[in-house]
């Protein structure tokens, strides 16, 4: 017995000391000051101190580990070890001054380092007495669909832990109240009496944009089997003939879309378009278009508006914009067909891009990129894509135009086309020359063409195809019913308008 006690008591003391040391180490390494010894980017600390989690009504101050680690007993220790090793490696091998804090705090990145279980631990009651009906609807939607992938508390509360200037949570009722367009108000649209490029002016607004005359002609649509990064829905190659039309020099900008929003945005009101055509006034017999309801949150993602392409816009909203633009200008504006889009994008060229270059040499991902030093100056001068976009939309002056004078056909944002999407459509058309094909007669999703600021070089080729994903792009929209005007989960698609041409009358 004495011999057993002789070993037991020292062992017990050693165990208690080890436990105490472990708990002490956990406490020390869980303080904000310890976290900041590695995370030395000043913006992280400054934005935390300006957030609602710093000065709370209850007096509790949420620290780094309260959000960036799961609660104790729910994988806290393993995640703490993993996070510590990762952060120490980053501290020793990376320069924190090179971090782009704006990119790091984007939703898709923030979700990787914020634990939903930690949110729920502190916020057990999702329906407090002070919650608005809009908030209650959002929380009810969360409860009903909380097992949906990518549905996270910070989808709606991204600024809770780190302050974001101008961030809007909930219905954005002041959206579109400020425009960067010049303040000269146009009273009538452009007059077009010949087939040449013109500048359209939107009556009742200060917005104008350039339309490029695209001559008719023939081209080979699709990509050959030998083209790098080709997908099966890009073929077979077919000869297509396209009639002349006008196409916007740039993607529909926020300035352009906000002119539509300001004149039609609906809280139960509609637009007197006859009055708009004349520059104002009332009419008893008018065409009316009801526009978008206010968005939920920030459709521009906080990147700014002006001449940047409008994003978060639904296909329905894009089509409605075209109908409105047709009414206020007296012309026929619409979304391009897929064939028109590719014809205009190629601008008479036949390769993967409308400029010289091999996609394999431009691609910056994978083993090939790590072992080669390729010159990407050419593609960088024509395309806003993953390697030069800073993972956000950019202004059109960043790039050179294609042979037809169109900018950002291959990048910045992908663009809606009017066709229903069908992966094998090029093989389903009748044999021989195709004249102004418009795609299948029915479908469930629409064609999207052109790459975006998120895509690598292989996805921004002229023949590359994609399609809308309506349900996926509305997955985290907490509104009931979901918006038909705004996507909650798609920030890389916009649109570009075309205007029909009638050789007898100039336009129609």
Protein backbone atom coordinates (compact mmCIF):
# COMPACT_ATOMS: atom_id res chain seq x y z
CA UNK A 1 0.00 0.00 0.00
CA UNK A 2 2.74 2.45 0.94
CA UNK A 3 4.60 1.54 -2.25
CA UNK A 4 1.50 2.24 -4.32
CA UNK A 5 0.98 5.59 -2.59
CA UNK A 6 4.63 6.40 -3.17
CA UNK A 7 4.03 6.32 -6.93
CA UNK A 8 0.41 7.47 -6.95
CA UNK A 9 0.85 10.78 -5.14
CA UNK A 10 3.73 12.07 -7.35
CA UNK A 11 1.81 10.91 -10.40
CA UNK A 12 -1.30 12.74 -9.23
CA UNK A 13 0.67 15.90 -8.58
CA UNK A 14 2.36 15.64 -11.97
CA UNK A 15 -1.00 15.12 -13.62
CA UNK A 16 -2.53 18.11 -11.84
CA UNK A 17 0.48 20.22 -12.75
CA UNK A 18 0.23 19.14 -16.37
CA UNK A 19 -3.50 19.85 -16.42
CA UNK A 20 -2.97 23.24 -14.79
CA UNK A 21 -0.20 24.06 -17.28
CA UNK A 22 -2.39 22.99 -20.18
CA UNK A 23 -5.32 25.09 -18.97
CA UNK A 24 -2.98 28.02 -18.34
CA UNK A 25 -1.54 27.67 -21.85
CA UNK A 26 -5.05 27.51 -23.32
CA UNK A 27 -6.02 30.69 -21.47
CA UNK A 28 -2.88 32.58 -22.49
CA UNK A 29 -3.07 31.53 -26.14
CA UNK A 30 -6.74 32.47 -26.29
CA UNK A 31 -6.30 36.14 -25.45
CA UNK A 32 -6.72 38.83 -28.09
CA UNK A 33 -3.19 40.10 -27.47
CA UNK A 34 -1.76 36.64 -28.19
CA UNK A 35 -3.79 36.35 -31.40
CA UNK A 36 -2.58 39.77 -32.50
CA UNK A 37 1.05 38.73 -32.06
CA UNK A 38 0.64 36.75 -35.30
CA UNK A 39 -2.25 38.62 -36.90
CA UNK A 40 -0.45 41.94 -36.96
CA UNK A 41 -2.44 43.52 -39.79
CA UNK A 42 -3.71 46.75 -38.15
CA UNK A 43 -6.99 46.71 -40.09
CA UNK A 44 -8.02 43.45 -38.37
CA UNK A 45 -7.73 45.04 -34.93
CA UNK A 46 -9.17 48.41 -35.95
CA UNK A 47 -12.23 46.93 -37.65
CA UNK A 48 -12.89 44.62 -34.67
CA UNK A 49 -12.85 47.59 -32.28
CA UNK A 50 -15.43 49.36 -34.48
CA UNK A 51 -17.76 46.36 -34.69
CA UNK A 52 -20.97 45.63 -32.76
CA UNK A 53 -19.14 42.78 -30.98
CA UNK A 54 -16.73 45.20 -29.29
CA UNK A 55 -19.13 47.57 -27.55
CA UNK A 56 -22.26 45.51 -26.94
CA UNK A 57 -25.41 46.48 -25.08
CA UNK A 58 -24.87 43.65 -22.59
CA UNK A 59 -21.28 44.65 -21.90
CA UNK A 60 -19.86 41.35 -23.14
CA UNK A 61 -16.94 41.84 -25.53
CA UNK A 62 -16.50 39.04 -28.06
CA UNK A 63 -12.85 38.19 -28.66
CA UNK A 64 -11.01 36.48 -31.49
CA UNK A 65 -11.52 32.90 -30.26
CA UNK A 66 -15.24 33.48 -29.61
CA UNK A 67 -15.86 33.63 -33.36
CA UNK A 68 -12.81 32.02 -34.98
CA UNK A 69 -12.87 28.80 -32.96
CA UNK A 70 -15.79 26.47 -32.20
CA UNK A 71 -17.20 26.34 -28.63
CA UNK A 72 -15.35 24.22 -26.09
CA UNK A 73 -16.49 20.63 -26.24
CA UNK A 74 -17.32 20.92 -29.95
CA UNK A 75 -13.88 20.35 -31.44
CA UNK A 76 -12.27 23.36 -29.77
CA UNK A 77 -8.87 21.78 -28.99
CA UNK A 78 -8.25 20.13 -32.41
CA UNK A 79 -9.28 23.30 -34.26
CA UNK A 80 -7.14 25.44 -31.97
CA UNK A 81 -4.08 23.30 -32.68
CA UNK A 82 -4.75 23.29 -36.42
CA UNK A 83 -5.36 27.03 -36.49
CA UNK A 84 -2.26 27.72 -34.40
CA UNK A 85 0.01 25.69 -36.69
CA UNK A 86 -1.45 27.39 -39.77
CA UNK A 87 -1.12 30.89 -38.32
CA UNK A 88 2.43 30.29 -37.11
CA UNK A 89 3.42 29.03 -40.56
CA UNK A 90 1.86 32.10 -42.17
CA UNK A 91 3.59 34.39 -39.70
CA UNK A 92 7.00 32.86 -40.44
CA UNK A 93 6.67 32.55 -44.22
CA UNK A 94 4.40 35.42 -45.35
CA UNK A 95 4.49 39.20 -45.22
CA UNK A 96 1.33 40.43 -43.51
CA UNK A 97 1.69 43.79 -45.23
CA UNK A 98 0.94 42.06 -48.53
CA UNK A 99 -2.46 40.75 -47.37
CA UNK A 100 -5.50 42.25 -49.08
CA UNK A 101 -7.80 42.73 -46.12
CA UNK A 102 -10.77 43.64 -48.33
CA UNK A 103 -10.52 40.32 -50.17
CA UNK A 104 -9.93 38.38 -46.93
CA UNK A 105 -13.16 39.62 -45.38
CA UNK A 106 -15.35 38.65 -48.34
CA UNK A 107 -18.09 36.16 -47.49
CA UNK A 108 -16.55 33.14 -49.21
CA UNK A 109 -13.32 33.70 -47.26
CA UNK A 110 -14.89 34.70 -43.94
CA UNK A 111 -16.98 31.52 -43.90
CA UNK A 112 -13.77 29.48 -43.74
CA UNK A 113 -12.66 31.08 -40.46
CA UNK A 114 -15.93 31.73 -38.62
CA UNK A 115 -17.86 29.00 -36.83
CA UNK A 116 -21.63 28.97 -36.99
CA UNK A 117 -21.76 26.96 -33.76
CA UNK A 118 -20.04 29.87 -32.02
CA UNK A 119 -22.68 32.28 -33.30
CA UNK A 120 -25.46 30.05 -31.96
CA UNK A 121 -23.72 29.59 -28.60
CA UNK A 122 -24.04 33.30 -27.85
CA UNK A 123 -27.22 34.00 -29.80
CA UNK A 124 -29.46 31.18 -28.59
CA UNK A 125 -32.71 33.13 -29.02
CA UNK A 126 -33.22 33.82 -32.71
CA UNK A 127 -36.56 35.53 -32.12
CA UNK A 128 -36.09 38.24 -29.47
CA UNK A 129 -38.96 40.65 -28.78
CA UNK A 130 -37.15 43.53 -30.50
CA UNK A 131 -36.66 41.61 -33.79
CA UNK A 132 -38.38 43.15 -36.82
CA UNK A 133 -40.74 41.14 -39.02
CA UNK A 134 -38.13 41.18 -41.77
CA UNK A 135 -35.57 39.77 -39.33
CA UNK A 136 -38.03 37.17 -38.05
CA UNK A 137 -38.71 36.00 -41.62
CA UNK A 138 -34.97 35.73 -42.25
CA UNK A 139 -34.35 33.76 -39.05
CA UNK A 140 -37.32 31.48 -39.76
CA UNK A 141 -35.86 30.75 -43.19
CA UNK A 142 -32.52 30.00 -41.55
CA UNK A 143 -34.14 27.58 -39.09
CA UNK A 144 -35.99 25.76 -41.85
CA UNK A 145 -32.94 25.43 -44.12
CA UNK A 146 -29.95 25.62 -41.77
CA UNK A 147 -28.53 22.34 -43.10
CA UNK A 148 -28.20 23.89 -46.56
CA UNK A 149 -24.53 24.07 -47.59
CA UNK A 150 -23.06 27.59 -47.46
CA UNK A 151 -25.97 28.94 -45.39
CA UNK A 152 -24.22 30.66 -42.49
CA UNK A 153 -25.11 33.38 -40.00
CA UNK A 154 -22.56 35.71 -41.58
CA UNK A 155 -24.38 35.58 -44.91
CA UNK A 156 -26.48 38.34 -43.35
CA UNK A 157 -24.19 39.46 -40.51
CA UNK A 158 -20.84 39.75 -42.27
CA UNK A 159 -19.94 42.95 -40.41
CA UNK A 160 -20.73 41.63 -36.94
CA UNK A 161 -17.15 40.79 -35.99
CA UNK A 162 -15.27 43.28 -38.17
CA UNK A 163 -16.77 46.64 -39.14
CA UNK A 164 -17.28 47.21 -42.87
CA UNK A 165 -17.80 50.80 -44.02
CA UNK A 166 -21.17 51.23 -45.73
CA UNK A 167 -22.29 47.64 -45.13
CA UNK A 168 -26.05 47.17 -45.24
CA UNK A 169 -27.88 44.37 -43.44
CA UNK A 170 -31.48 43.83 -44.48
CA UNK A 171 -33.55 45.64 -47.07
CA UNK A 172 -31.47 48.39 -48.67
CA UNK A 173 -34.13 51.07 -49.06
CA UNK A 174 -31.64 53.84 -49.87
CA UNK A 175 -30.00 51.83 -52.65
CA UNK A 176 -29.57 53.80 -55.86
CA UNK A 177 -30.07 57.21 -54.27
CA UNK A 178 -26.66 58.44 -55.46
CA UNK A 179 -25.35 58.23 -59.03
CA UNK A 180 -21.91 59.10 -60.37
CA UNK A 181 -23.30 60.08 -63.78
CA UNK A 182 -23.06 63.73 -64.91
CA UNK A 183 -26.05 65.83 -63.86
CA UNK A 184 -27.12 67.00 -67.35
CA UNK A 185 -30.63 65.59 -67.82
CA UNK A 186 -31.43 64.28 -71.29
CA UNK A 187 -34.89 64.99 -72.66
CA UNK A 188 -34.89 62.63 -75.63
CA UNK A 189 -33.10 59.53 -76.86
CA UNK A 190 -30.53 59.37 -79.64
CA UNK A 191 -31.82 59.50 -83.21
CA UNK A 192 -30.41 56.79 -85.49
CA UNK A 193 -30.97 56.98 -89.24
CA UNK A 194 -27.99 55.03 -90.55
CA UNK A 195 -25.98 51.96 -89.60
CA UNK A 196 -23.13 53.44 -87.63
CA UNK A 197 -22.11 53.52 -83.98
CA UNK A 198 -24.04 56.00 -81.83
CA UNK A 199 -24.34 57.24 -78.25
CA UNK A 200 -27.66 56.44 -76.63
CA UNK A 201 -29.13 58.91 -74.14
CA UNK A 202 -31.72 57.86 -71.57
CA UNK A 203 -34.53 60.43 -71.27
CA UNK A 204 -35.19 61.70 -67.77
CA UNK A 205 -31.66 60.83 -66.68
CA UNK A 206 -28.07 61.98 -67.04
CA UNK A 207 -26.92 58.61 -68.39
CA UNK A 208 -25.55 57.85 -71.83
CA UNK A 209 -23.68 54.88 -73.30
CA UNK A 210 -22.09 53.93 -76.60
CA UNK A 211 -23.61 51.42 -79.02
CA UNK A 212 -21.28 49.82 -81.58
CA UNK A 213 -22.49 48.93 -85.09
CA UNK A 214 -21.70 45.23 -85.62
CA UNK A 215 -21.70 44.38 -89.35
CA UNK A 216 -23.37 41.16 -90.42
CA UNK A 217 -21.32 38.23 -91.59
CA UNK A 218 -20.46 34.57 -91.20
CA UNK A 219 -18.26 32.83 -88.63
CA UNK A 220 -17.48 29.40 -87.23
CA UNK A 221 -19.28 29.01 -83.91
CA UNK A 222 -17.90 26.71 -81.24
CA UNK A 223 -14.44 25.28 -80.62
CA UNK A 224 -12.50 22.41 -82.24
CA UNK A 225 -11.66 19.28 -80.23
CA UNK A 226 -8.00 20.32 -80.11
CA UNK A 227 -8.59 23.65 -78.31
CA UNK A 228 -7.09 23.69 -74.78
CA UNK A 229 -9.63 23.67 -71.92
CA UNK A 230 -12.46 22.94 -74.36
CA UNK A 231 -15.65 21.47 -72.91
CA UNK A 232 -18.05 19.15 -74.71
CA UNK A 233 -20.86 21.74 -74.89
CA UNK A 234 -18.71 23.97 -77.14
CA UNK A 235 -19.12 21.81 -80.24
CA UNK A 236 -19.33 20.67 -82.89
CA UNK A 237 -18.15 23.73 -84.81
CA UNK A 238 -20.93 25.13 -87.05
CA UNK A 239 -21.00 27.85 -89.70
CA UNK A 240 -23.36 30.66 -88.71
CA UNK A 241 -24.59 33.78 -90.49
CA UNK A 242 -25.52 36.83 -88.41
CA UNK A 243 -27.47 39.92 -89.51
CA UNK A 244 -26.21 43.42 -88.61
CA UNK A 245 -27.05 44.74 -85.14
CA UNK A 246 -25.84 47.22 -82.53
CA UNK A 247 -24.15 46.08 -79.32
CA UNK A 248 -23.21 48.08 -76.21
CA UNK A 249 -19.52 48.92 -75.99
CA UNK A 250 -19.46 47.89 -72.32
CA UNK A 251 -21.53 45.77 -69.98
CA UNK A 252 -24.55 47.55 -68.50
CA UNK A 253 -23.02 49.71 -65.79
CA UNK A 254 -24.42 50.60 -62.40
CA UNK A 255 -25.06 54.13 -63.68
CA UNK A 256 -27.20 52.72 -66.48
CA UNK A 257 -29.05 50.25 -64.28
CA UNK A 258 -29.68 52.84 -61.57
CA UNK A 259 -31.36 55.09 -64.14
CA UNK A 260 -33.83 52.23 -64.68
CA UNK A 261 -34.08 51.59 -60.94
CA UNK A 262 -34.71 55.24 -60.11
CA UNK A 263 -37.49 55.54 -62.69
CA UNK A 264 -39.21 52.21 -62.03
CA UNK A 265 -38.18 50.85 -58.61
CA UNK A 266 -41.37 49.56 -57.11
CA UNK A 267 -42.85 49.93 -53.73
CA UNK A 268 -46.13 49.58 -55.61
CA UNK A 269 -45.44 52.31 -58.17
CA UNK A 270 -44.84 52.15 -61.90
CA UNK A 271 -43.33 54.39 -64.56
CA UNK A 272 -44.98 56.73 -67.01
CA UNK A 273 -42.78 55.85 -69.96
CA UNK A 274 -44.64 58.09 -72.40
CA UNK A 275 -43.80 61.00 -70.12
CA UNK A 276 -40.19 59.85 -69.94
CA UNK A 277 -39.94 59.81 -73.72
CA UNK A 278 -40.90 63.44 -73.73
CA UNK A 279 -38.67 64.26 -70.81
CA UNK A 280 -41.40 64.45 -68.18
CA UNK A 281 -45.08 65.10 -67.69
CA UNK A 282 -48.14 62.95 -67.08
CA UNK A 283 -50.28 60.86 -69.37
CA UNK A 284 -53.57 59.04 -68.83
CA UNK A 285 -52.82 56.33 -71.42
CA UNK A 286 -49.30 55.05 -70.90
CA UNK A 287 -47.17 51.97 -71.08
CA UNK A 288 -45.95 51.08 -67.61
CA UNK A 289 -43.15 48.89 -66.34
CA UNK A 290 -42.83 48.03 -62.69
CA UNK A 291 -39.19 47.71 -61.72
CA UNK A 292 -37.12 46.11 -59.03
CA UNK A 293 -37.90 46.13 -55.34
CA UNK A 294 -35.08 47.27 -53.01
CA UNK A 295 -32.24 44.75 -52.76
CA UNK A 296 -31.34 42.84 -49.63
CA UNK A 297 -27.88 43.96 -48.55
CA UNK A 298 -25.29 45.37 -50.97
CA UNK A 299 -25.59 44.21 -54.59
CA UNK A 300 -22.29 45.90 -55.50
CA UNK A 301 -20.47 44.02 -52.69
CA UNK A 302 -19.06 47.34 -51.52
CA UNK A 303 -16.74 47.60 -54.54
CA UNK A 304 -18.39 50.75 -55.83
CA UNK A 305 -20.77 51.55 -58.66
CA UNK A 306 -20.46 54.13 -61.45
CA UNK A 307 -19.12 52.50 -64.61
CA UNK A 308 -18.46 49.13 -62.97
CA UNK A 309 -20.78 46.46 -64.40
CA UNK A 310 -24.06 45.92 -62.57
CA UNK A 311 -24.01 42.59 -60.71
CA UNK A 312 -26.42 40.56 -58.54
CA UNK A 313 -29.03 41.31 -61.23
CA UNK A 314 -31.37 38.41 -62.03
CA UNK A 315 -32.12 37.28 -65.57
CA UNK A 316 -35.67 38.56 -65.10
CA UNK A 317 -34.33 41.97 -64.07
CA UNK A 318 -32.05 42.10 -67.14
CA UNK A 319 -34.94 41.31 -69.47
CA UNK A 320 -37.15 43.91 -67.76
CA UNK A 321 -34.38 46.49 -68.10
CA UNK A 322 -34.27 45.83 -71.85
CA UNK A 323 -38.06 46.24 -72.14
CA UNK A 324 -37.90 49.51 -70.23
CA UNK A 325 -34.98 50.78 -72.33
CA UNK A 326 -36.92 49.96 -75.48
CA UNK A 327 -39.92 51.95 -74.23
CA UNK A 328 -38.02 55.06 -73.17
CA UNK A 329 -35.85 55.20 -76.32
CA UNK A 330 -38.32 54.01 -78.98
CA UNK A 331 -35.88 51.35 -80.18
CA UNK A 332 -35.79 47.57 -79.79
CA UNK A 333 -33.29 46.69 -77.08
CA UNK A 334 -32.86 43.11 -75.87
CA UNK A 335 -30.32 40.59 -74.64
CA UNK A 336 -28.07 39.14 -77.37
CA UNK A 337 -28.58 35.65 -78.70
CA UNK A 338 -25.73 33.29 -77.97
CA UNK A 339 -24.71 33.31 -81.64
CA UNK A 340 -24.71 37.12 -81.79
CA UNK A 341 -22.63 37.22 -78.63
CA UNK A 342 -19.92 34.88 -79.90
CA UNK A 343 -19.84 36.55 -83.32
CA UNK A 344 -19.39 39.97 -81.71
CA UNK A 345 -16.82 38.62 -79.25
CA UNK A 346 -14.64 37.02 -81.93
CA UNK A 347 -14.67 40.14 -84.09
CA UNK A 348 -13.58 38.21 -87.17
CA UNK A 349 -11.00 36.04 -85.38
CA UNK A 350 -10.96 32.23 -85.20
CA UNK A 351 -8.73 31.33 -82.23
CA UNK A 352 -9.44 30.76 -78.54
CA UNK A 353 -9.29 34.54 -78.00
CA UNK A 354 -9.72 37.57 -80.23
CA UNK A 355 -6.02 38.26 -79.63
CA UNK A 356 -2.96 36.07 -80.09
CA UNK A 357 -2.18 33.62 -77.33
CA UNK A 358 -2.34 30.04 -76.13
CA UNK A 359 -4.60 29.37 -73.12
CA UNK A 360 -2.07 26.86 -71.81
CA UNK A 361 0.54 29.60 -71.52
CA UNK A 362 -1.85 32.08 -69.91
CA UNK A 363 -3.29 29.66 -67.33
CA UNK A 364 -1.82 30.38 -63.90
CA UNK A 365 -3.17 27.40 -61.96
CA UNK A 366 -1.84 23.87 -61.71
CA UNK A 367 1.61 22.32 -62.09
CA UNK A 368 2.25 23.96 -65.45
CA UNK A 369 2.00 27.44 -63.92
CA UNK A 370 4.37 26.58 -61.09
CA UNK A 371 7.16 25.36 -63.35
CA UNK A 372 6.89 27.96 -66.12
CA UNK A 373 7.31 31.72 -66.50
CA UNK A 374 4.80 32.79 -69.12
CA UNK A 375 4.20 36.31 -70.40
CA UNK A 376 0.61 37.30 -69.62
CA UNK A 377 0.89 40.95 -70.63
CA UNK A 378 -1.25 40.37 -73.73
CA UNK A 379 -4.22 38.78 -71.98
CA UNK A 380 -3.90 41.28 -69.12
CA UNK A 381 -4.41 44.16 -71.53
CA UNK A 382 -7.69 42.73 -72.92
CA UNK A 383 -9.30 40.69 -70.13
CA UNK A 384 -10.21 41.23 -66.48
CA UNK A 385 -9.85 37.72 -65.04
CA UNK A 386 -8.61 35.93 -61.93
CA UNK A 387 -4.97 36.96 -62.28
CA UNK A 388 -5.46 40.74 -62.58
CA UNK A 389 -8.91 41.49 -61.10
CA UNK A 390 -8.08 41.54 -57.39
CA UNK A 391 -11.17 39.28 -57.23
CA UNK A 392 -13.68 42.05 -57.93
CA UNK A 393 -15.18 43.91 -60.86
CA UNK A 394 -13.14 46.65 -62.52
CA UNK A 395 -13.83 49.75 -64.62
CA UNK A 396 -13.99 49.30 -68.41
CA UNK A 397 -11.03 51.60 -69.10
CA UNK A 398 -8.74 48.93 -67.65
CA UNK A 399 -8.82 46.98 -70.93
CA UNK A 400 -8.43 47.46 -74.68
CA UNK A 401 -11.38 46.79 -77.03
CA UNK A 402 -11.71 43.80 -79.34
CA UNK A 403 -11.61 44.22 -83.18
CA UNK A 404 -15.24 45.42 -83.22
CA UNK A 405 -14.56 48.01 -80.49
CA UNK A 406 -16.25 46.10 -77.63
CA UNK A 407 -14.69 46.01 -74.15
CA UNK A 408 -14.65 43.20 -71.59
CA UNK A 409 -16.32 40.61 -73.80
CA UNK A 410 -14.16 37.90 -72.25
CA UNK A 411 -13.96 39.03 -68.65
CA UNK A 412 -14.96 41.35 -65.82
CA UNK A 413 -18.40 39.73 -65.55
CA UNK A 414 -20.01 36.94 -67.52
CA UNK A 415 -23.09 37.97 -69.50
CA UNK A 416 -26.66 36.73 -69.96
CA UNK A 417 -27.80 35.64 -73.40
CA UNK A 418 -31.45 35.22 -74.41
CA UNK A 419 -31.15 31.52 -75.38
CA UNK A 420 -32.25 28.64 -73.22
CA UNK A 421 -29.22 26.53 -72.36
CA UNK A 422 -28.83 23.12 -73.98
CA UNK A 423 -25.40 21.45 -73.82
CA UNK A 424 -25.62 19.80 -77.26
CA UNK A 425 -27.50 22.54 -79.12
CA UNK A 426 -24.88 22.92 -81.87
CA UNK A 427 -25.41 19.30 -82.88
CA UNK A 428 -29.21 19.62 -82.76
CA UNK A 429 -29.53 22.42 -85.30
CA UNK A 430 -30.37 21.39 -88.90
CA UNK A 431 -27.43 20.63 -91.17
CA UNK A 432 -25.93 23.39 -93.30
CA UNK A 433 -25.54 27.11 -92.73
CA UNK A 434 -27.30 28.42 -89.61
CA UNK A 435 -28.89 31.86 -90.01
CA UNK A 436 -29.45 33.85 -86.82
CA UNK A 437 -29.99 30.81 -84.55
CA UNK A 438 -31.83 31.51 -81.30
CA UNK A 439 -31.32 28.29 -79.34
CA UNK A 440 -33.91 25.74 -78.20
CA UNK A 441 -37.58 26.69 -77.91
CA UNK A 442 -37.75 25.87 -74.20
CA UNK A 443 -35.56 25.08 -71.22
CA UNK A 444 -35.03 25.68 -67.51
CA UNK A 445 -31.86 27.82 -67.46
CA UNK A 446 -30.40 30.45 -69.79
CA UNK A 447 -27.03 30.71 -71.50
CA UNK A 448 -24.25 32.75 -69.89
CA UNK A 449 -21.26 33.70 -72.04
CA UNK A 450 -17.87 35.29 -71.40
CA UNK A 451 -15.71 34.74 -68.33
CA UNK A 452 -15.51 36.85 -65.20
CA UNK A 453 -13.08 38.33 -62.69
CA UNK A 454 -13.10 34.95 -60.91
CA UNK A 455 -12.13 32.81 -63.90
CA UNK A 456 -8.69 31.53 -64.96
CA UNK A 457 -7.45 31.99 -68.53
CA UNK A 458 -8.94 28.71 -69.72
CA UNK A 459 -12.47 29.85 -68.86
CA UNK A 460 -12.33 33.23 -70.62
CA UNK A 461 -12.01 31.87 -74.17
CA UNK A 462 -14.39 33.11 -76.90
CA UNK A 463 -16.35 29.82 -77.27
CA UNK A 464 -16.59 28.99 -73.53
CA UNK A 465 -20.21 28.44 -72.38
CA UNK A 466 -22.00 28.49 -69.05
CA UNK A 467 -25.58 28.81 -67.81
CA UNK A 468 -27.68 30.34 -65.04
CA UNK A 469 -28.24 28.42 -61.80
CA UNK A 470 -31.34 30.11 -60.45
CA UNK A 471 -31.95 28.04 -57.32
CA UNK A 472 -28.29 27.95 -56.36
CA UNK A 473 -27.94 31.70 -56.85
CA UNK A 474 -30.87 32.32 -54.49
CA UNK A 475 -29.89 29.76 -51.88
CA UNK A 476 -29.16 32.18 -49.06
CA UNK A 477 -31.82 34.79 -49.86
CA UNK A 478 -33.73 34.93 -46.54
CA UNK A 479 -36.74 36.78 -47.94
CA UNK A 480 -40.11 35.11 -48.31
CA UNK A 481 -40.85 34.87 -51.16
CA UNK A 482 -37.36 35.06 -52.67
CA UNK A 483 -36.55 38.02 -54.86
CA UNK A 484 -37.16 37.80 -58.60
CA UNK A 485 -34.90 40.83 -59.12
CA UNK A 486 -31.70 40.16 -57.20
CA UNK A 487 -29.42 37.15 -56.76
CA UNK A 488 -28.13 36.62 -53.22
CA UNK A 489 -25.30 34.27 -54.23
CA UNK A 490 -24.08 35.33 -57.67
CA UNK A 491 -21.83 38.35 -58.03
CA UNK A 492 -19.96 37.52 -61.25
CA UNK A 493 -22.70 37.76 -63.91
CA UNK A 494 -24.02 40.91 -65.58
CA UNK A 495 -25.37 41.66 -69.02
CA UNK A 496 -24.87 43.64 -72.21
CA UNK A 497 -27.62 44.97 -74.47
CA UNK A 498 -28.05 44.81 -78.22
CA UNK A 499 -30.27 47.00 -80.37
CA UNK A 500 -31.96 45.64 -83.49
CA UNK A 501 -31.27 47.29 -86.84
CA UNK A 502 -33.73 47.80 -89.68
CA UNK A 503 -31.94 48.90 -92.88
CA UNK A 504 -35.07 50.74 -94.07
CA UNK A 505 -35.64 52.88 -91.02
CA UNK A 506 -32.27 52.95 -89.26
CA UNK A 507 -33.66 51.34 -86.12
CA UNK A 508 -36.88 49.90 -84.83
